[in-house]
Amino acid sequence: MSVSQLAKIRIKNLRLRTFIGIKDEEIKNKQDVVVNVEIHYLAKRAMHSTEIEDALNYRPITKAIIKHVEENRFELLERLTAELLDLVSADVRVTYAEVEVDKPHALRFSDSVSIALCYSKDQE
């Protein structure tokens, strides 16, 4: 039996603050968002290496997400999610990516509202 060469990187519950929304209060005050990311890539080289260059390094991806969220303003959750999906799928080695952004307490009686978007190399 051979080992799968498909790697899944998961960035879980990245808690950030940004300006998001269309109401006056949302425009004036930063709100919490929670970002979850899943990235697939073929990891054959990384599985037999000790060099970070052979792997898809999640650290710069995470830093780019943090910078983008914290330094920008967003009216729609869909827009924020789409821009983050573009960031995480930019590396040519990415075969699939999914980004979900939660906006905690966006609705009364609800923990959060979220949007999830996917990228697949097959759909290009």
PDB file of N, CA and C in Angstrom:
ATOM      1  N   MET A   1       0.841  -1.182   0.000  1.00  0.00           N
ATOM      2  CA  MET A   1       0.000   0.000   0.000  1.00  0.00           C
ATOM      3  C   MET A   1       0.885   1.245   0.000  1.00  0.00           C
ATOM      4  N   SER A   2       0.586   2.183  -0.892  1.00  0.00           N
ATOM      5  CA  SER A   2       1.387   3.394  -0.961  1.00  0.00           C
ATOM      6  C   SER A   2       0.748   4.505  -0.132  1.00  0.00           C
ATOM      7  N   VAL A   3       1.582   5.401   0.320  1.00  0.00           N
ATOM      8  CA  VAL A   3       1.139   6.545   1.112  1.00  0.00           C
ATOM      9  C   VAL A   3       0.639   7.637   0.165  1.00  0.00           C
ATOM     10  N   SER A   4      -0.473   8.255   0.509  1.00  0.00           N
ATOM     11  CA  SER A   4      -1.012   9.348  -0.293  1.00  0.00           C
ATOM     12  C   SER A   4      -0.022  10.512  -0.299  1.00  0.00           C
ATOM     13  N   GLN A   5       0.079  11.164  -1.419  1.00  0.00           N
ATOM     14  CA  GLN A   5       0.980  12.302  -1.542  1.00  0.00           C
ATOM     15  C   GLN A   5       0.230  13.624  -1.398  1.00  0.00           C
ATOM     16  N   LEU A   6      -1.073  13.542  -1.170  1.00  0.00           N
ATOM     17  CA  LEU A   6      -1.883  14.733  -1.016  1.00  0.00           C
ATOM     18  C   LEU A   6      -1.833  15.196   0.432  1.00  0.00           C
ATOM     19  N   ALA A   7      -1.363  16.410   0.631  1.00  0.00           N
ATOM     20  CA  ALA A   7      -1.299  16.981   1.973  1.00  0.00           C
ATOM     21  C   ALA A   7      -2.431  17.986   2.135  1.00  0.00           C
ATOM     22  N   LYS A   8      -2.963  18.045   3.346  1.00  0.00           N
ATOM     23  CA  LYS A   8      -3.986  19.026   3.705  1.00  0.00           C
ATOM     24  C   LYS A   8      -3.439  19.879   4.833  1.00  0.00           C
ATOM     25  N   ILE A   9      -3.357  21.154   4.578  1.00  0.00           N
ATOM     26  CA  ILE A   9      -2.973  22.106   5.613  1.00  0.00           C
ATOM     27  C   ILE A   9      -4.262  22.745   6.110  1.00  0.00           C
ATOM     28  N   ARG A  10      -4.438  22.780   7.419  1.00  0.00           N
ATOM     29  CA  ARG A  10      -5.612  23.424   7.999  1.00  0.00           C
ATOM     30  C   ARG A  10      -5.151  24.512   8.965  1.00  0.00           C
ATOM     31  N   ILE A  11      -5.630  25.705   8.732  1.00  0.00           N
ATOM     32  CA  ILE A  11      -5.420  26.818   9.654  1.00  0.00           C
ATOM     33  C   ILE A  11      -6.769  27.001  10.340  1.00  0.00           C
ATOM     34  N   LYS A  12      -6.805  26.753  11.647  1.00  0.00           N
ATOM     35  CA  LYS A  12      -8.079  26.689  12.358  1.00  0.00           C
ATOM     36  C   LYS A  12      -8.272  27.873  13.301  1.00  0.00           C
ATOM     37  N   ASN A  13      -9.449  28.465  13.198  1.00  0.00           N
ATOM     38  CA  ASN A  13      -9.900  29.485  14.148  1.00  0.00           C
ATOM     39  C   ASN A  13      -8.913  30.634  14.341  1.00  0.00           C
ATOM     40  N   LEU A  14      -8.477  31.204  13.244  1.00  0.00           N
ATOM     41  CA  LEU A  14      -7.615  32.374  13.276  1.00  0.00           C
ATOM     42  C   LEU A  14      -8.489  33.575  13.612  1.00  0.00           C
ATOM     43  N   ARG A  15      -8.336  34.104  14.806  1.00  0.00           N
ATOM     44  CA  ARG A  15      -9.197  35.181  15.302  1.00  0.00           C
ATOM     45  C   ARG A  15      -8.551  36.531  15.028  1.00  0.00           C
ATOM     46  N   LEU A  16      -9.261  37.342  14.259  1.00  0.00           N
ATOM     47  CA  LEU A  16      -8.736  38.638  13.842  1.00  0.00           C
ATOM     48  C   LEU A  16      -9.801  39.715  14.048  1.00  0.00           C
ATOM     49  N   ARG A  17      -9.383  40.982  13.921  1.00  0.00           N
ATOM     50  CA  ARG A  17     -10.316  42.107  14.035  1.00  0.00           C
ATOM     51  C   ARG A  17     -10.175  42.976  12.796  1.00  0.00           C
ATOM     52  N   THR A  18     -11.324  43.406  12.286  1.00  0.00           N
ATOM     53  CA  THR A  18     -11.332  44.240  11.089  1.00  0.00           C
ATOM     54  C   THR A  18     -12.619  45.052  11.043  1.00  0.00           C
ATOM     55  N   PHE A  19     -12.662  45.983  10.110  1.00  0.00           N
ATOM     56  CA  PHE A  19     -13.886  46.720   9.832  1.00  0.00           C
ATOM     57  C   PHE A  19     -14.660  45.915   8.792  1.00  0.00           C
ATOM     58  N   ILE A  20     -15.861  45.455   9.170  1.00  0.00           N
ATOM     59  CA  ILE A  20     -16.660  44.679   8.235  1.00  0.00           C
ATOM     60  C   ILE A  20     -18.140  44.978   8.457  1.00  0.00           C
ATOM     61  N   GLY A  21     -18.795  45.340   7.370  1.00  0.00           N
ATOM     62  CA  GLY A  21     -20.224  45.584   7.454  1.00  0.00           C
ATOM     63  C   GLY A  21     -20.624  46.871   6.764  1.00  0.00           C
ATOM     64  N   ILE A  22     -21.937  47.115   6.790  1.00  0.00           N
ATOM     65  CA  ILE A  22     -22.482  48.290   6.104  1.00  0.00           C
ATOM     66  C   ILE A  22     -23.211  49.244   7.048  1.00  0.00           C
ATOM     67  N   LYS A  23     -23.469  48.809   8.278  1.00  0.00           N
ATOM     68  CA  LYS A  23     -24.123  49.684   9.252  1.00  0.00           C
ATOM     69  C   LYS A  23     -23.113  50.689   9.796  1.00  0.00           C
ATOM     70  N   ASP A  24     -23.600  51.864  10.245  1.00  0.00           N
ATOM     71  CA  ASP A  24     -22.711  52.897  10.791  1.00  0.00           C
ATOM     72  C   ASP A  24     -21.808  52.351  11.894  1.00  0.00           C
ATOM     73  N   GLU A  25     -22.383  51.573  12.802  1.00  0.00           N
ATOM     74  CA  GLU A  25     -21.613  51.006  13.905  1.00  0.00           C
ATOM     75  C   GLU A  25     -20.498  50.086  13.400  1.00  0.00           C
ATOM     76  N   GLU A  26     -20.794  49.330  12.337  1.00  0.00           N
ATOM     77  CA  GLU A  26     -19.803  48.411  11.770  1.00  0.00           C
ATOM     78  C   GLU A  26     -18.698  49.167  11.034  1.00  0.00           C
ATOM     79  N   ILE A  27     -19.047  50.298  10.454  1.00  0.00           N
ATOM     80  CA  ILE A  27     -18.064  51.102   9.722  1.00  0.00           C
ATOM     81  C   ILE A  27     -17.105  51.783  10.696  1.00  0.00           C
ATOM     82  N   LYS A  28     -17.593  52.136  11.883  1.00  0.00           N
ATOM     83  CA  LYS A  28     -16.798  52.877  12.870  1.00  0.00           C
ATOM     84  C   LYS A  28     -15.982  51.991  13.800  1.00  0.00           C
ATOM     85  N   ASN A  29     -16.431  50.759  14.016  1.00  0.00           N
ATOM     86  CA  ASN A  29     -15.794  49.894  15.008  1.00  0.00           C
ATOM     87  C   ASN A  29     -15.341  48.565  14.401  1.00  0.00           C
ATOM     88  N   LYS A  30     -14.137  48.180  14.783  1.00  0.00           N
ATOM     89  CA  LYS A  30     -13.647  46.875  14.339  1.00  0.00           C
ATOM     90  C   LYS A  30     -14.467  45.771  14.997  1.00  0.00           C
ATOM     91  N   GLN A  31     -14.593  44.657  14.265  1.00  0.00           N
ATOM     92  CA  GLN A  31     -15.311  43.495  14.766  1.00  0.00           C
ATOM     93  C   GLN A  31     -14.426  42.261  14.650  1.00  0.00           C
ATOM     94  N   ASP A  32     -14.791  41.265  15.412  1.00  0.00           N
ATOM     95  CA  ASP A  32     -14.083  39.992  15.341  1.00  0.00           C
ATOM     96  C   ASP A  32     -14.527  39.226  14.103  1.00  0.00           C
ATOM     97  N   VAL A  33     -13.578  38.544  13.489  1.00  0.00           N
ATOM     98  CA  VAL A  33     -13.866  37.546  12.468  1.00  0.00           C
ATOM     99  C   VAL A  33     -13.007  36.329  12.795  1.00  0.00           C
ATOM    100  N   VAL A  34     -13.495  35.171  12.404  1.00  0.00           N
ATOM    101  CA  VAL A  34     -12.755  33.925  12.617  1.00  0.00           C
ATOM    102  C   VAL A  34     -12.544  33.291  11.250  1.00  0.00           C
ATOM    103  N   VAL A  35     -11.286  33.030  10.920  1.00  0.00           N
ATOM    104  CA  VAL A  35     -10.923  32.512   9.602  1.00  0.00           C
ATOM    105  C   VAL A  35     -10.464  31.061   9.735  1.00  0.00           C
ATOM    106  N   ASN A  36     -11.027  30.205   8.882  1.00  0.00           N
ATOM    107  CA  ASN A  36     -10.592  28.814   8.778  1.00  0.00           C
ATOM    108  C   ASN A  36     -10.202  28.552   7.328  1.00  0.00           C
ATOM    109  N   VAL A  37      -9.080  27.884   7.159  1.00  0.00           N
ATOM    110  CA  VAL A  37      -8.533  27.654   5.820  1.00  0.00           C
ATOM    111  C   VAL A  37      -8.147  26.180   5.692  1.00  0.00           C
ATOM    112  N   GLU A  38      -8.435  25.624   4.537  1.00  0.00           N
ATOM    113  CA  GLU A  38      -7.931  24.286   4.191  1.00  0.00           C
ATOM    114  C   GLU A  38      -7.272  24.392   2.831  1.00  0.00           C
ATOM    115  N   ILE A  39      -6.041  23.895   2.738  1.00  0.00           N
ATOM    116  CA  ILE A  39      -5.268  23.951   1.501  1.00  0.00           C
ATOM    117  C   ILE A  39      -4.761  22.548   1.190  1.00  0.00           C
ATOM    118  N   HIS A  40      -4.960  22.095  -0.047  1.00  0.00           N
ATOM    119  CA  HIS A  40      -4.438  20.800  -0.485  1.00  0.00           C
ATOM    120  C   HIS A  40      -3.284  21.042  -1.465  1.00  0.00           C
ATOM    121  N   TYR A  41      -2.267  20.229  -1.360  1.00  0.00           N
ATOM    122  CA  TYR A  41      -1.184  20.267  -2.340  1.00  0.00           C
ATOM    123  C   TYR A  41      -0.485  18.912  -2.371  1.00  0.00           C
ATOM    124  N   LEU A  42       0.181  18.643  -3.470  1.00  0.00           N
ATOM    125  CA  LEU A  42       0.934  17.393  -3.591  1.00  0.00           C
ATOM    126  C   LEU A  42       2.259  17.547  -2.845  1.00  0.00           C
ATOM    127  N   ALA A  43       2.466  16.701  -1.870  1.00  0.00           N
ATOM    128  CA  ALA A  43       3.588  16.872  -0.951  1.00  0.00           C
ATOM    129  C   ALA A  43       4.686  15.829  -1.123  1.00  0.00           C
ATOM    130  N   LYS A  44       4.791  15.246  -2.297  1.00  0.00           N
ATOM    131  CA  LYS A  44       5.768  14.178  -2.522  1.00  0.00           C
ATOM    132  C   LYS A  44       7.188  14.614  -2.137  1.00  0.00           C
ATOM    133  N   ARG A  45       7.606  15.771  -2.597  1.00  0.00           N
ATOM    134  CA  ARG A  45       8.970  16.235  -2.288  1.00  0.00           C
ATOM    135  C   ARG A  45       9.130  16.485  -0.787  1.00  0.00           C
ATOM    136  N   ALA A  46       8.145  17.112  -0.176  1.00  0.00           N
ATOM    137  CA  ALA A  46       8.236  17.453   1.242  1.00  0.00           C
ATOM    138  C   ALA A  46       8.277  16.208   2.131  1.00  0.00           C
ATOM    139  N   MET A  47       7.634  15.147   1.696  1.00  0.00           N
ATOM    140  CA  MET A  47       7.588  13.918   2.484  1.00  0.00           C
ATOM    141  C   MET A  47       8.962  13.252   2.612  1.00  0.00           C
ATOM    142  N   HIS A  48       9.862  13.577   1.711  1.00  0.00           N
ATOM    143  CA  HIS A  48      11.192  12.957   1.704  1.00  0.00           C
ATOM    144  C   HIS A  48      12.294  13.997   1.853  1.00  0.00           C
ATOM    145  N   SER A  49      11.967  15.116   2.487  1.00  0.00           N
ATOM    146  CA  SER A  49      12.902  16.232   2.562  1.00  0.00           C
ATOM    147  C   SER A  49      12.958  16.800   3.978  1.00  0.00           C
ATOM    148  N   THR A  50      13.970  17.607   4.209  1.00  0.00           N
ATOM    149  CA  THR A  50      14.051  18.392   5.449  1.00  0.00           C
ATOM    150  C   THR A  50      14.090  19.879   5.131  1.00  0.00           C
ATOM    151  N   GLU A  51      13.850  20.227   3.882  1.00  0.00           N
ATOM    152  CA  GLU A  51      13.926  21.611   3.432  1.00  0.00           C
ATOM    153  C   GLU A  51      12.530  22.236   3.331  1.00  0.00           C
ATOM    154  N   ILE A  52      12.344  23.390   3.939  1.00  0.00           N
ATOM    155  CA  ILE A  52      11.046  24.059   3.928  1.00  0.00           C
ATOM    156  C   ILE A  52      10.617  24.442   2.508  1.00  0.00           C
ATOM    157  N   GLU A  53      11.569  24.659   1.631  1.00  0.00           N
ATOM    158  CA  GLU A  53      11.259  25.018   0.248  1.00  0.00           C
ATOM    159  C   GLU A  53      10.509  23.900  -0.485  1.00  0.00           C
ATOM    160  N   ASP A  54      10.626  22.678   0.013  1.00  0.00           N
ATOM    161  CA  ASP A  54       9.947  21.544  -0.606  1.00  0.00           C
ATOM    162  C   ASP A  54       8.505  21.385  -0.126  1.00  0.00           C
ATOM    163  N   ALA A  55       8.138  22.165   0.879  1.00  0.00           N
ATOM    164  CA  ALA A  55       6.778  22.115   1.418  1.00  0.00           C
ATOM    165  C   ALA A  55       6.058  23.418   1.093  1.00  0.00           C
ATOM    166  N   LEU A  56       4.764  23.396   1.230  1.00  0.00           N
ATOM    167  CA  LEU A  56       3.963  24.615   1.109  1.00  0.00           C
ATOM    168  C   LEU A  56       3.951  25.241   2.500  1.00  0.00           C
ATOM    169  N   ASN A  57       4.710  26.287   2.689  1.00  0.00           N
ATOM    170  CA  ASN A  57       4.913  26.901   3.994  1.00  0.00           C
ATOM    171  C   ASN A  57       3.672  27.698   4.407  1.00  0.00           C
ATOM    172  N   TYR A  58       3.010  27.263   5.454  1.00  0.00           N
ATOM    173  CA  TYR A  58       1.782  27.920   5.903  1.00  0.00           C
ATOM    174  C   TYR A  58       2.042  29.219   6.666  1.00  0.00           C
ATOM    175  N   ARG A  59       3.239  29.433   7.136  1.00  0.00           N
ATOM    176  CA  ARG A  59       3.536  30.644   7.917  1.00  0.00           C
ATOM    177  C   ARG A  59       3.354  31.927   7.090  1.00  0.00           C
ATOM    178  N   PRO A  60       3.956  32.046   5.883  1.00  0.00           N
ATOM    179  CA  PRO A  60       3.739  33.273   5.107  1.00  0.00           C
ATOM    180  C   PRO A  60       2.286  33.433   4.646  1.00  0.00           C
ATOM    181  N   ILE A  61       1.605  32.314   4.431  1.00  0.00           N
ATOM    182  CA  ILE A  61       0.192  32.387   4.055  1.00  0.00           C
ATOM    183  C   ILE A  61      -0.616  32.986   5.207  1.00  0.00           C
ATOM    184  N   THR A  62      -0.353  32.502   6.407  1.00  0.00           N
ATOM    185  CA  THR A  62      -1.056  32.999   7.588  1.00  0.00           C
ATOM    186  C   THR A  62      -0.746  34.482   7.818  1.00  0.00           C
ATOM    187  N   LYS A  63       0.508  34.854   7.676  1.00  0.00           N
ATOM    188  CA  LYS A  63       0.886  36.264   7.841  1.00  0.00           C
ATOM    189  C   LYS A  63       0.182  37.153   6.815  1.00  0.00           C
ATOM    190  N   ALA A  64       0.063  36.676   5.579  1.00  0.00           N
ATOM    191  CA  ALA A  64      -0.623  37.445   4.531  1.00  0.00           C
ATOM    192  C   ALA A  64      -2.107  37.602   4.860  1.00  0.00           C
ATOM    193  N   ILE A  65      -2.718  36.555   5.383  1.00  0.00           N
ATOM    194  CA  ILE A  65      -4.125  36.632   5.788  1.00  0.00           C
ATOM    195  C   ILE A  65      -4.298  37.677   6.886  1.00  0.00           C
ATOM    196  N   ILE A  66      -3.477  37.600   7.915  1.00  0.00           N
ATOM    197  CA  ILE A  66      -3.561  38.545   9.033  1.00  0.00           C
ATOM    198  C   ILE A  66      -3.407  39.979   8.541  1.00  0.00           C
ATOM    199  N   LYS A  67      -2.397  40.222   7.749  1.00  0.00           N
ATOM    200  CA  LYS A  67      -2.139  41.568   7.231  1.00  0.00           C
ATOM    201  C   LYS A  67      -3.326  42.071   6.403  1.00  0.00           C
ATOM    202  N   HIS A  68      -3.849  41.243   5.528  1.00  0.00           N
ATOM    203  CA  HIS A  68      -4.942  41.651   4.655  1.00  0.00           C
ATOM    204  C   HIS A  68      -6.207  41.980   5.454  1.00  0.00           C
ATOM    205  N   VAL A  69      -6.526  41.124   6.405  1.00  0.00           N
ATOM    206  CA  VAL A  69      -7.737  41.337   7.207  1.00  0.00           C
ATOM    207  C   VAL A  69      -7.605  42.584   8.069  1.00  0.00           C
ATOM    208  N   GLU A  70      -6.491  42.719   8.749  1.00  0.00           N
ATOM    209  CA  GLU A  70      -6.339  43.805   9.711  1.00  0.00           C
ATOM    210  C   GLU A  70      -6.093  45.168   9.074  1.00  0.00           C
ATOM    211  N   GLU A  71      -5.592  45.200   7.849  1.00  0.00           N
ATOM    212  CA  GLU A  71      -5.254  46.482   7.230  1.00  0.00           C
ATOM    213  C   GLU A  71      -6.284  46.982   6.221  1.00  0.00           C
ATOM    214  N   ASN A  72      -7.416  46.286   6.082  1.00  0.00           N
ATOM    215  CA  ASN A  72      -8.414  46.686   5.094  1.00  0.00           C
ATOM    216  C   ASN A  72      -9.795  46.791   5.721  1.00  0.00           C
ATOM    217  N   ARG A  73     -10.709  47.335   4.932  1.00  0.00           N
ATOM    218  CA  ARG A  73     -12.123  47.441   5.315  1.00  0.00           C
ATOM    219  C   ARG A  73     -12.946  46.657   4.312  1.00  0.00           C
ATOM    220  N   PHE A  74     -14.014  46.051   4.804  1.00  0.00           N
ATOM    221  CA  PHE A  74     -14.852  45.218   3.952  1.00  0.00           C
ATOM    222  C   PHE A  74     -16.315  45.508   4.240  1.00  0.00           C
ATOM    223  N   GLU A  75     -17.084  45.660   3.184  1.00  0.00           N
ATOM    224  CA  GLU A  75     -18.521  45.829   3.372  1.00  0.00           C
ATOM    225  C   GLU A  75     -19.208  44.475   3.473  1.00  0.00           C
ATOM    226  N   LEU A  76     -18.752  43.515   2.675  1.00  0.00           N
ATOM    227  CA  LEU A  76     -19.413  42.214   2.614  1.00  0.00           C
ATOM    228  C   LEU A  76     -18.482  41.079   3.035  1.00  0.00           C
ATOM    229  N   LEU A  77     -19.045  40.134   3.744  1.00  0.00           N
ATOM    230  CA  LEU A  77     -18.321  38.939   4.147  1.00  0.00           C
ATOM    231  C   LEU A  77     -17.862  38.144   2.922  1.00  0.00           C
ATOM    232  N   GLU A  78     -18.676  38.153   1.870  1.00  0.00           N
ATOM    233  CA  GLU A  78     -18.321  37.453   0.636  1.00  0.00           C
ATOM    234  C   GLU A  78     -17.050  38.031   0.024  1.00  0.00           C
ATOM    235  N   ARG A  79     -16.927  39.341   0.049  1.00  0.00           N
ATOM    236  CA  ARG A  79     -15.744  40.009  -0.530  1.00  0.00           C
ATOM    237  C   ARG A  79     -14.485  39.643   0.254  1.00  0.00           C
ATOM    238  N   LEU A  80     -14.574  39.726   1.572  1.00  0.00           N
ATOM    239  CA  LEU A  80     -13.440  39.358   2.416  1.00  0.00           C
ATOM    240  C   LEU A  80     -13.029  37.910   2.160  1.00  0.00           C
ATOM    241  N   THR A  81     -13.994  37.023   2.122  1.00  0.00           N
ATOM    242  CA  THR A  81     -13.706  35.600   1.920  1.00  0.00           C
ATOM    243  C   THR A  81     -13.070  35.354   0.555  1.00  0.00           C
ATOM    244  N   ALA A  82     -13.573  36.006  -0.473  1.00  0.00           N
ATOM    245  CA  ALA A  82     -13.019  35.854  -1.822  1.00  0.00           C
ATOM    246  C   ALA A  82     -11.581  36.350  -1.901  1.00  0.00           C
ATOM    247  N   GLU A  83     -11.302  37.468  -1.264  1.00  0.00           N
ATOM    248  CA  GLU A  83      -9.936  38.012  -1.290  1.00  0.00           C
ATOM    249  C   GLU A  83      -8.966  37.084  -0.554  1.00  0.00           C
ATOM    250  N   LEU A  84      -9.415  36.498   0.548  1.00  0.00           N
ATOM    251  CA  LEU A  84      -8.554  35.551   1.263  1.00  0.00           C
ATOM    252  C   LEU A  84      -8.343  34.274   0.457  1.00  0.00           C
ATOM    253  N   LEU A  85      -9.375  33.831  -0.234  1.00  0.00           N
ATOM    254  CA  LEU A  85      -9.234  32.654  -1.096  1.00  0.00           C
ATOM    255  C   LEU A  85      -8.206  32.915  -2.193  1.00  0.00           C
ATOM    256  N   ASP A  86      -8.217  34.104  -2.765  1.00  0.00           N
ATOM    257  CA  ASP A  86      -7.205  34.469  -3.765  1.00  0.00           C
ATOM    258  C   ASP A  86      -5.800  34.384  -3.177  1.00  0.00           C
ATOM    259  N   LEU A  87      -5.633  34.842  -1.934  1.00  0.00           N
ATOM    260  CA  LEU A  87      -4.320  34.790  -1.281  1.00  0.00           C
ATOM    261  C   LEU A  87      -3.839  33.355  -1.090  1.00  0.00           C
ATOM    262  N   VAL A  88      -4.713  32.499  -0.554  1.00  0.00           N
ATOM    263  CA  VAL A  88      -4.265  31.140  -0.222  1.00  0.00           C
ATOM    264  C   VAL A  88      -4.124  30.237  -1.439  1.00  0.00           C
ATOM    265  N   SER A  89      -4.783  30.575  -2.523  1.00  0.00           N
ATOM    266  CA  SER A  89      -4.679  29.736  -3.725  1.00  0.00           C
ATOM    267  C   SER A  89      -3.663  30.269  -4.733  1.00  0.00           C
ATOM    268  N   ALA A  90      -2.922  31.295  -4.371  1.00  0.00           N
ATOM    269  CA  ALA A  90      -1.982  31.933  -5.302  1.00  0.00           C
ATOM    270  C   ALA A  90      -0.789  31.039  -5.661  1.00  0.00           C
ATOM    271  N   ASP A  91      -0.362  30.192  -4.754  1.00  0.00           N
ATOM    272  CA  ASP A  91       0.777  29.315  -5.021  1.00  0.00           C
ATOM    273  C   ASP A  91       0.359  28.274  -6.052  1.00  0.00           C
ATOM    274  N   VAL A  92       1.186  28.066  -7.069  1.00  0.00           N
ATOM    275  CA  VAL A  92       0.844  27.144  -8.161  1.00  0.00           C
ATOM    276  C   VAL A  92       0.711  25.694  -7.690  1.00  0.00           C
ATOM    277  N   ARG A  93       1.256  25.373  -6.531  1.00  0.00           N
ATOM    278  CA  ARG A  93       1.171  24.000  -6.019  1.00  0.00           C
ATOM    279  C   ARG A  93      -0.184  23.679  -5.387  1.00  0.00           C
ATOM    280  N   VAL A  94      -0.972  24.702  -5.102  1.00  0.00           N
ATOM    281  CA  VAL A  94      -2.273  24.489  -4.465  1.00  0.00           C
ATOM    282  C   VAL A  94      -3.222  23.841  -5.466  1.00  0.00           C
ATOM    283  N   THR A  95      -3.770  22.692  -5.084  1.00  0.00           N
ATOM    284  CA  THR A  95      -4.729  22.001  -5.955  1.00  0.00           C
ATOM    285  C   THR A  95      -6.168  22.265  -5.532  1.00  0.00           C
ATOM    286  N   TYR A  96      -6.354  22.602  -4.261  1.00  0.00           N
ATOM    287  CA  TYR A  96      -7.685  22.890  -3.728  1.00  0.00           C
ATOM    288  C   TYR A  96      -7.516  23.781  -2.509  1.00  0.00           C
ATOM    289  N   ALA A  97      -8.425  24.727  -2.344  1.00  0.00           N
ATOM    290  CA  ALA A  97      -8.413  25.568  -1.147  1.00  0.00           C
ATOM    291  C   ALA A  97      -9.837  25.928  -0.779  1.00  0.00           C
ATOM    292  N   GLU A  98     -10.066  26.022   0.506  1.00  0.00           N
ATOM    293  CA  GLU A  98     -11.350  26.473   1.018  1.00  0.00           C
ATOM    294  C   GLU A  98     -11.099  27.467   2.132  1.00  0.00           C
ATOM    295  N   VAL A  99     -11.823  28.571   2.085  1.00  0.00           N
ATOM    296  CA  VAL A  99     -11.733  29.589   3.123  1.00  0.00           C
ATOM    297  C   VAL A  99     -13.133  29.814   3.668  1.00  0.00           C
ATOM    298  N   GLU A 100     -13.243  29.788   4.977  1.00  0.00           N
ATOM    299  CA  GLU A 100     -14.503  30.111   5.644  1.00  0.00           C
ATOM    300  C   GLU A 100     -14.230  31.241   6.627  1.00  0.00           C
ATOM    301  N   VAL A 101     -15.067  32.283   6.548  1.00  0.00           N
ATOM    302  CA  VAL A 101     -14.943  33.404   7.470  1.00  0.00           C
ATOM    303  C   VAL A 101     -16.239  33.509   8.262  1.00  0.00           C
ATOM    304  N   ASP A 102     -16.102  33.474   9.573  1.00  0.00           N
ATOM    305  CA  ASP A 102     -17.230  33.629  10.487  1.00  0.00           C
ATOM    306  C   ASP A 102     -17.241  35.054  11.036  1.00  0.00           C
ATOM    307  N   LYS A 103     -18.433  35.581  11.163  1.00  0.00           N
ATOM    308  CA  LYS A 103     -18.637  36.878  11.810  1.00  0.00           C
ATOM    309  C   LYS A 103     -19.465  36.590  13.066  1.00  0.00           C
ATOM    310  N   PRO A 104     -18.766  36.443  14.218  1.00  0.00           N
ATOM    311  CA  PRO A 104     -19.482  36.101  15.446  1.00  0.00           C
ATOM    312  C   PRO A 104     -20.530  37.157  15.815  1.00  0.00           C
ATOM    313  N   HIS A 105     -21.642  36.675  16.321  1.00  0.00           N
ATOM    314  CA  HIS A 105     -22.717  37.530  16.851  1.00  0.00           C
ATOM    315  C   HIS A 105     -23.305  38.474  15.800  1.00  0.00           C
ATOM    316  N   ALA A 106     -23.238  38.103  14.534  1.00  0.00           N
ATOM    317  CA  ALA A 106     -23.809  38.947  13.480  1.00  0.00           C
ATOM    318  C   ALA A 106     -25.331  38.953  13.538  1.00  0.00           C
ATOM    319  N   LEU A 107     -25.894  37.863  14.026  1.00  0.00           N
ATOM    320  CA  LEU A 107     -27.348  37.757  14.167  1.00  0.00           C
ATOM    321  C   LEU A 107     -27.707  37.457  15.614  1.00  0.00           C
ATOM    322  N   ARG A 108     -28.764  38.049  16.071  1.00  0.00           N
ATOM    323  CA  ARG A 108     -29.271  37.768  17.402  1.00  0.00           C
ATOM    324  C   ARG A 108     -29.642  36.285  17.479  1.00  0.00           C
ATOM    325  N   PHE A 109     -29.338  35.657  18.578  1.00  0.00           N
ATOM    326  CA  PHE A 109     -29.619  34.248  18.849  1.00  0.00           C
ATOM    327  C   PHE A 109     -28.752  33.286  18.028  1.00  0.00           C
ATOM    328  N   SER A 110     -27.717  33.780  17.390  1.00  0.00           N
ATOM    329  CA  SER A 110     -26.843  32.930  16.584  1.00  0.00           C
ATOM    330  C   SER A 110     -25.397  33.123  17.030  1.00  0.00           C
ATOM    331  N   ASP A 111     -24.624  32.051  17.043  1.00  0.00           N
ATOM    332  CA  ASP A 111     -23.212  32.171  17.390  1.00  0.00           C
ATOM    333  C   ASP A 111     -22.461  32.996  16.348  1.00  0.00           C
ATOM    334  N   SER A 112     -22.784  32.761  15.082  1.00  0.00           N
ATOM    335  CA  SER A 112     -22.098  33.492  14.023  1.00  0.00           C
ATOM    336  C   SER A 112     -22.816  33.283  12.699  1.00  0.00           C
ATOM    337  N   VAL A 113     -22.382  34.067  11.721  1.00  0.00           N
ATOM    338  CA  VAL A 113     -22.756  33.874  10.320  1.00  0.00           C
ATOM    339  C   VAL A 113     -21.445  33.660   9.585  1.00  0.00           C
ATOM    340  N   SER A 114     -21.436  32.709   8.640  1.00  0.00           N
ATOM    341  CA  SER A 114     -20.188  32.465   7.921  1.00  0.00           C
ATOM    342  C   SER A 114     -20.440  32.309   6.437  1.00  0.00           C
ATOM    343  N   ILE A 115     -19.382  32.551   5.688  1.00  0.00           N
ATOM    344  CA  ILE A 115     -19.356  32.332   4.245  1.00  0.00           C
ATOM    345  C   ILE A 115     -18.147  31.438   3.968  1.00  0.00           C
ATOM    346  N   ALA A 116     -18.339  30.430   3.131  1.00  0.00           N
ATOM    347  CA  ALA A 116     -17.232  29.576   2.721  1.00  0.00           C
ATOM    348  C   ALA A 116     -17.159  29.590   1.198  1.00  0.00           C
ATOM    349  N   LEU A 117     -15.955  29.737   0.679  1.00  0.00           N
ATOM    350  CA  LEU A 117     -15.715  29.691  -0.756  1.00  0.00           C
ATOM    351  C   LEU A 117     -14.581  28.717  -1.026  1.00  0.00           C
ATOM    352  N   CYS A 118     -14.641  28.067  -2.194  1.00  0.00           N
ATOM    353  CA  CYS A 118     -13.650  27.046  -2.563  1.00  0.00           C
ATOM    354  C   CYS A 118     -12.980  27.383  -3.884  1.00  0.00           C
ATOM    355  N   TYR A 119     -11.755  26.921  -4.000  1.00  0.00           N
ATOM    356  CA  TYR A 119     -10.992  26.984  -5.251  1.00  0.00           C
ATOM    357  C   TYR A 119     -10.544  25.568  -5.556  1.00  0.00           C
ATOM    358  N   SER A 120     -10.671  25.170  -6.809  1.00  0.00           N
ATOM    359  CA  SER A 120     -10.153  23.880  -7.251  1.00  0.00           C
ATOM    360  C   SER A 120      -9.445  24.063  -8.559  1.00  0.00           C
ATOM    361  N   LYS A 121      -8.258  23.538  -8.672  1.00  0.00           N
ATOM    362  CA  LYS A 121      -7.499  23.646  -9.914  1.00  0.00           C
ATOM    363  C   LYS A 121      -8.267  23.038 -11.071  1.00  0.00           C
ATOM    364  N   ASP A 122      -9.103  22.055 -10.792  1.00  0.00           N
ATOM    365  CA  ASP A 122      -9.930  21.410 -11.817  1.00  0.00           C
ATOM    366  C   ASP A 122     -10.930  22.364 -12.453  1.00  0.00           C
ATOM    367  N   GLN A 123     -11.328  23.411 -11.725  1.00  0.00           N
ATOM    368  CA  GLN A 123     -12.366  24.321 -12.198  1.00  0.00           C
ATOM    369  C   GLN A 123     -11.825  25.517 -12.965  1.00  0.00           C
ATOM    370  N   GLU A 124     -10.539  25.588 -13.151  1.00  0.00           N
ATOM    371  CA  GLU A 124      -9.953  26.742 -13.849  1.00  0.00           C
ATOM    372  C   GLU A 124     -10.354  26.743 -15.305  1.00  0.00           C
TER     373      GLU A 124
END
